[in-house]
Amino acid sequence: MFKEIDVRQVLSMRGSIAVNLSSDNSSKMRASTNNPLDGKEYKIMEEFHVHIYFMKNEIELAQQIRDDLIRAIPQLTYVGELILKPIGPHPRPMFEIHVPAAKIDSVVPVIDKKRSGLSVLIHPVQDDELAAHTVFARWLGEKLKLDLSQLDPAKSSQHVIHGDI
């Protein structure tokens, strides 16, 4: 599901989180609290945010998808109301759901099936909001252009690795 990333790339980019992708090609995303490459301790990703975008003429569809996701995914820790205008870095109206990191791999296929063609951004919650919304982000459907000026990079981050995940 997620593109393989060498953990050394992540470590060179930032100092507050290490993401290890499993080597068994199942591409499950896990966080590590202790990295043998540098001996530092990193914050565990405990949650992912999922933003489901819609156009103003798709409000009823978005509400139906939201209701379907609530019924289909009991692991959700938060379900936001529909936000009817762009807000923060988000270029379209949207609603947000939160998924525990331990459940993200099993939940993404359900979201993909239920999204009815709407664009979906999935990103981990971490200190470096810029990296979370770019380097570690995954899109289902059309990738939208975010207003990255709204996002704070981690103070220790000097480099951002660009690319889709």
C-alpha atoms as a PDB file:
ATOM      1  CA  MET A   1       0.000   0.000   0.000  1.00  0.00           C
ATOM      2  CA  PHE A   2       2.687   2.511   0.964  1.00  0.00           C
ATOM      3  CA  LYS A   3       5.837   3.019  -1.117  1.00  0.00           C
ATOM      4  CA  GLU A   4       8.973   1.555   0.452  1.00  0.00           C
ATOM      5  CA  ILE A   5      11.202   4.194   2.076  1.00  0.00           C
ATOM      6  CA  ASP A   6      14.675   3.502   3.385  1.00  0.00           C
ATOM      7  CA  VAL A   7      14.643   4.442   7.057  1.00  0.00           C
ATOM      8  CA  ARG A   8      17.996   6.246   6.585  1.00  0.00           C
ATOM      9  CA  GLN A   9      16.243   8.705   4.232  1.00  0.00           C
ATOM     10  CA  VAL A  10      13.694   9.458   6.914  1.00  0.00           C
ATOM     11  CA  LEU A  11      16.358   9.866   9.583  1.00  0.00           C
ATOM     12  CA  SER A  12      18.362  12.255   7.431  1.00  0.00           C
ATOM     13  CA  MET A  13      15.226  14.303   6.828  1.00  0.00           C
ATOM     14  CA  ARG A  14      13.967  14.739  10.369  1.00  0.00           C
ATOM     15  CA  GLY A  15      14.680  13.893  13.964  1.00  0.00           C
ATOM     16  CA  SER A  16      11.319  13.360  15.642  1.00  0.00           C
ATOM     17  CA  ILE A  17      10.027  10.189  13.991  1.00  0.00           C
ATOM     18  CA  ALA A  18      11.336   7.130  12.226  1.00  0.00           C
ATOM     19  CA  VAL A  19       9.098   5.189   9.942  1.00  0.00           C
ATOM     20  CA  ASN A  20      10.005   1.607   9.212  1.00  0.00           C
ATOM     21  CA  LEU A  21       8.192  -0.165   6.419  1.00  0.00           C
ATOM     22  CA  SER A  22       8.044  -3.903   6.689  1.00  0.00           C
ATOM     23  CA  SER A  23      10.464  -5.789   4.502  1.00  0.00           C
ATOM     24  CA  ASP A  24       7.995  -8.580   3.731  1.00  0.00           C
ATOM     25  CA  ASN A  25       6.512  -6.498   0.865  1.00  0.00           C
ATOM     26  CA  SER A  26       3.182  -6.098   2.657  1.00  0.00           C
ATOM     27  CA  SER A  27       4.154  -2.416   3.017  1.00  0.00           C
ATOM     28  CA  LYS A  28       2.708  -1.954   6.475  1.00  0.00           C
ATOM     29  CA  MET A  29       3.709   1.306   8.104  1.00  0.00           C
ATOM     30  CA  ARG A  30       5.069   1.102  11.623  1.00  0.00           C
ATOM     31  CA  ALA A  31       6.746   3.537  13.939  1.00  0.00           C
ATOM     32  CA  SER A  32       9.880   2.713  15.850  1.00  0.00           C
ATOM     33  CA  THR A  33      10.843   3.998  19.277  1.00  0.00           C
ATOM     34  CA  ASN A  34      14.485   3.006  19.018  1.00  0.00           C
ATOM     35  CA  ASN A  35      16.479   3.093  15.803  1.00  0.00           C
ATOM     36  CA  PRO A  36      19.649   1.016  15.611  1.00  0.00           C
ATOM     37  CA  LEU A  37      21.111   3.279  12.900  1.00  0.00           C
ATOM     38  CA  ASP A  38      21.564   6.281  15.148  1.00  0.00           C
ATOM     39  CA  GLY A  39      20.574   5.173  18.671  1.00  0.00           C
ATOM     40  CA  LYS A  40      18.035   8.010  19.015  1.00  0.00           C
ATOM     41  CA  GLU A  41      14.548   7.583  20.376  1.00  0.00           C
ATOM     42  CA  TYR A  42      11.629   8.575  18.160  1.00  0.00           C
ATOM     43  CA  LYS A  43       8.004   9.392  18.793  1.00  0.00           C
ATOM     44  CA  ILE A  44       5.549   6.634  17.894  1.00  0.00           C
ATOM     45  CA  MET A  45       2.884   7.470  15.330  1.00  0.00           C
ATOM     46  CA  GLU A  46      -0.329   6.542  17.047  1.00  0.00           C
ATOM     47  CA  GLU A  47      -2.887   7.928  14.639  1.00  0.00           C
ATOM     48  CA  PHE A  48      -3.604   8.793  11.025  1.00  0.00           C
ATOM     49  CA  HIS A  49      -5.859  11.558   9.780  1.00  0.00           C
ATOM     50  CA  VAL A  50      -7.999  10.885   6.738  1.00  0.00           C
ATOM     51  CA  HIS A  51      -9.449  13.856   4.830  1.00  0.00           C
ATOM     52  CA  ILE A  52     -12.258  13.148   2.357  1.00  0.00           C
ATOM     53  CA  TYR A  53     -12.715  16.027  -0.103  1.00  0.00           C
ATOM     54  CA  PHE A  54     -15.857  16.950  -2.002  1.00  0.00           C
ATOM     55  CA  MET A  55     -17.239  19.723  -4.178  1.00  0.00           C
ATOM     56  CA  LYS A  56     -20.176  21.902  -3.111  1.00  0.00           C
ATOM     57  CA  ASN A  57     -22.478  19.946  -5.428  1.00  0.00           C
ATOM     58  CA  GLU A  58     -21.423  16.684  -3.687  1.00  0.00           C
ATOM     59  CA  ILE A  59     -22.547  17.494  -0.136  1.00  0.00           C
ATOM     60  CA  GLU A  60     -25.193  14.744  -0.050  1.00  0.00           C
ATOM     61  CA  LEU A  61     -22.684  12.218  -1.419  1.00  0.00           C
ATOM     62  CA  ALA A  62     -20.098  13.272   1.176  1.00  0.00           C
ATOM     63  CA  GLN A  63     -22.658  12.894   3.984  1.00  0.00           C
ATOM     64  CA  GLN A  64     -23.567   9.422   2.733  1.00  0.00           C
ATOM     65  CA  ILE A  65     -19.886   8.404   2.540  1.00  0.00           C
ATOM     66  CA  ARG A  66     -19.332   9.745   6.067  1.00  0.00           C
ATOM     67  CA  ASP A  67     -22.281   7.711   7.365  1.00  0.00           C
ATOM     68  CA  ASP A  68     -21.067   4.606   5.505  1.00  0.00           C
ATOM     69  CA  LEU A  69     -17.565   4.955   6.967  1.00  0.00           C
ATOM     70  CA  ILE A  70     -18.946   5.304  10.501  1.00  0.00           C
ATOM     71  CA  ARG A  71     -20.851   2.034  10.071  1.00  0.00           C
ATOM     72  CA  ALA A  72     -18.037   0.197   8.252  1.00  0.00           C
ATOM     73  CA  ILE A  73     -15.084   1.197  10.463  1.00  0.00           C
ATOM     74  CA  PRO A  74     -15.758   0.811  14.197  1.00  0.00           C
ATOM     75  CA  GLN A  75     -12.073   1.583  14.942  1.00  0.00           C
ATOM     76  CA  LEU A  76     -12.489   5.302  14.127  1.00  0.00           C
ATOM     77  CA  THR A  77     -11.397   7.498  17.038  1.00  0.00           C
ATOM     78  CA  TYR A  78     -12.900  10.701  15.611  1.00  0.00           C
ATOM     79  CA  VAL A  79     -15.419  11.622  12.925  1.00  0.00           C
ATOM     80  CA  GLY A  80     -15.657  15.280  11.975  1.00  0.00           C
ATOM     81  CA  GLU A  81     -18.613  17.131  10.548  1.00  0.00           C
ATOM     82  CA  LEU A  82     -18.649  18.239   6.936  1.00  0.00           C
ATOM     83  CA  ILE A  83     -16.663  21.472   6.535  1.00  0.00           C
ATOM     84  CA  LEU A  84     -18.270  23.309   3.636  1.00  0.00           C
ATOM     85  CA  LYS A  85     -15.339  25.532   2.653  1.00  0.00           C
ATOM     86  CA  PRO A  86     -11.580  25.150   2.226  1.00  0.00           C
ATOM     87  CA  ILE A  87      -9.763  25.416   5.551  1.00  0.00           C
ATOM     88  CA  GLY A  88      -6.061  25.363   6.474  1.00  0.00           C
ATOM     89  CA  PRO A  89      -4.053  23.534   3.824  1.00  0.00           C
ATOM     90  CA  HIS A  90      -7.151  21.842   2.416  1.00  0.00           C
ATOM     91  CA  PRO A  91      -8.229  23.151  -1.009  1.00  0.00           C
ATOM     92  CA  ARG A  92     -11.823  21.880  -0.969  1.00  0.00           C
ATOM     93  CA  PRO A  93     -14.644  21.231   1.443  1.00  0.00           C
ATOM     94  CA  MET A  94     -13.964  18.026   3.382  1.00  0.00           C
ATOM     95  CA  PHE A  95     -14.594  15.958   6.436  1.00  0.00           C
ATOM     96  CA  GLU A  96     -12.004  14.233   8.581  1.00  0.00           C
ATOM     97  CA  ILE A  97     -11.788  10.887  10.312  1.00  0.00           C
ATOM     98  CA  HIS A  98      -9.049   9.548  12.602  1.00  0.00           C
ATOM     99  CA  VAL A  99      -7.731   5.984  12.500  1.00  0.00           C
ATOM    100  CA  PRO A 100      -5.357   4.303  14.980  1.00  0.00           C
ATOM    101  CA  ALA A 101      -2.009   3.584  13.309  1.00  0.00           C
ATOM    102  CA  ALA A 102      -2.318  -0.109  14.160  1.00  0.00           C
ATOM    103  CA  LYS A 103      -5.495  -0.306  12.045  1.00  0.00           C
ATOM    104  CA  ILE A 104      -4.542   1.860   9.047  1.00  0.00           C
ATOM    105  CA  ASP A 105      -3.589  -0.998   6.716  1.00  0.00           C
ATOM    106  CA  SER A 106      -6.878  -2.808   7.279  1.00  0.00           C
ATOM    107  CA  VAL A 107      -8.962   0.377   7.052  1.00  0.00           C
ATOM    108  CA  VAL A 108      -7.517   1.911   3.843  1.00  0.00           C
ATOM    109  CA  PRO A 109      -9.165  -0.658   1.521  1.00  0.00           C
ATOM    110  CA  VAL A 110     -12.537   0.037   3.176  1.00  0.00           C
ATOM    111  CA  ILE A 111     -12.097   3.784   2.688  1.00  0.00           C
ATOM    112  CA  ASP A 112     -11.053   3.221  -0.919  1.00  0.00           C
ATOM    113  CA  LYS A 113     -14.149   1.120  -1.577  1.00  0.00           C
ATOM    114  CA  LYS A 114     -16.535   3.576   0.099  1.00  0.00           C
ATOM    115  CA  ARG A 115     -15.127   6.899  -1.236  1.00  0.00           C
ATOM    116  CA  SER A 116     -17.271   6.854  -4.418  1.00  0.00           C
ATOM    117  CA  GLY A 117     -14.626   8.606  -6.484  1.00  0.00           C
ATOM    118  CA  LEU A 118     -13.884  11.401  -4.005  1.00  0.00           C
ATOM    119  CA  SER A 119     -10.264  12.370  -3.326  1.00  0.00           C
ATOM    120  CA  VAL A 120      -8.861  11.178   0.001  1.00  0.00           C
ATOM    121  CA  LEU A 121      -5.685  12.272   1.792  1.00  0.00           C
ATOM    122  CA  ILE A 122      -4.270   9.912   4.431  1.00  0.00           C
ATOM    123  CA  HIS A 123      -1.402  11.116   6.615  1.00  0.00           C
ATOM    124  CA  PRO A 124       0.202  10.272   9.948  1.00  0.00           C
ATOM    125  CA  VAL A 125      -0.082  12.622  12.900  1.00  0.00           C
ATOM    126  CA  GLN A 126       3.419  13.877  13.715  1.00  0.00           C
ATOM    127  CA  ASP A 127       5.271  17.019  14.748  1.00  0.00           C
ATOM    128  CA  ASP A 128       6.396  17.792  11.215  1.00  0.00           C
ATOM    129  CA  GLU A 129       3.058  18.660   9.607  1.00  0.00           C
ATOM    130  CA  LEU A 130       4.711  19.454   6.277  1.00  0.00           C
ATOM    131  CA  ALA A 131       6.312  16.005   6.009  1.00  0.00           C
ATOM    132  CA  ALA A 132       3.122  14.344   7.243  1.00  0.00           C
ATOM    133  CA  HIS A 133       1.106  15.962   4.440  1.00  0.00           C
ATOM    134  CA  THR A 134       3.733  15.371   1.727  1.00  0.00           C
ATOM    135  CA  VAL A 135       6.434  12.741   2.329  1.00  0.00           C
ATOM    136  CA  PHE A 136       4.295  10.377   4.397  1.00  0.00           C
ATOM    137  CA  ALA A 137       0.957  11.157   2.737  1.00  0.00           C
ATOM    138  CA  ARG A 138      -1.029   8.774   0.594  1.00  0.00           C
ATOM    139  CA  TRP A 139      -3.780   9.741  -1.827  1.00  0.00           C
ATOM    140  CA  LEU A 140      -6.762   7.731  -2.950  1.00  0.00           C
ATOM    141  CA  GLY A 141      -8.172   9.172  -6.154  1.00  0.00           C
ATOM    142  CA  GLU A 142      -7.101  12.532  -7.524  1.00  0.00           C
ATOM    143  CA  LYS A 143      -4.162  14.131  -5.736  1.00  0.00           C
ATOM    144  CA  LEU A 144      -5.132  17.693  -4.847  1.00  0.00           C
ATOM    145  CA  LYS A 145      -2.757  20.614  -4.410  1.00  0.00           C
ATOM    146  CA  LEU A 146      -2.527  21.530  -0.728  1.00  0.00           C
ATOM    147  CA  ASP A 147      -1.601  24.987   0.563  1.00  0.00           C
ATOM    148  CA  LEU A 148       1.708  23.899   2.098  1.00  0.00           C
ATOM    149  CA  SER A 149       2.363  27.385   3.502  1.00  0.00           C
ATOM    150  CA  GLN A 150      -0.224  26.512   6.174  1.00  0.00           C
ATOM    151  CA  LEU A 151       1.875  23.626   7.525  1.00  0.00           C
ATOM    152  CA  ASP A 152       4.682  23.751  10.086  1.00  0.00           C
ATOM    153  CA  PRO A 153       7.805  21.700   9.456  1.00  0.00           C
ATOM    154  CA  ALA A 154       9.545  20.268  12.514  1.00  0.00           C
ATOM    155  CA  LYS A 155      12.202  22.616  13.792  1.00  0.00           C
ATOM    156  CA  SER A 156      14.856  19.918  13.392  1.00  0.00           C
ATOM    157  CA  SER A 157      13.873  19.147   9.796  1.00  0.00           C
ATOM    158  CA  GLN A 158      16.139  20.684   7.195  1.00  0.00           C
ATOM    159  CA  HIS A 159      15.231  18.572   4.157  1.00  0.00           C
ATOM    160  CA  VAL A 160      11.978  17.292   2.723  1.00  0.00           C
ATOM    161  CA  ILE A 161      11.973  14.237   0.505  1.00  0.00           C
ATOM    162  CA  HIS A 162       9.450  14.800  -2.287  1.00  0.00           C
ATOM    163  CA  GLY A 163       7.387  12.063  -3.871  1.00  0.00           C
ATOM    164  CA  ASP A 164       4.111  10.198  -3.679  1.00  0.00           C
ATOM    165  CA  ILE A 165       3.477   7.455  -1.215  1.00  0.00           C
END
